[in-house]
Amino acid sequence: MSGKMEEPKKGKGVSGLVFAACLFLGLGIGIGLDYMPAALFIGMAVGFLAMAILRLKLGGGDCAPVAQ
């Protein structure tokens, strides 16, 4: 332990917000088109993909490449 505090990664917070936004967009589209279950699953899938891409780009999270 080095004794200094580590800054929290911004990638986790931003990617979580993107996931929630995609999920709510899917919910809204599903209610509007009367296909709620399908739209929720599509919104969730897009949210997970966007979350993974953001975590890779911003370097926050477990899916970031590890330098050896």
Foldseek 3Di string as FASTA:
>chain_A
DPPDDDDAQPLVVVLVVQLVVLQVVLCVVCVVVVNNVVSNVVSNVVSVVSSLVSCCVRVHDDNHDDDD
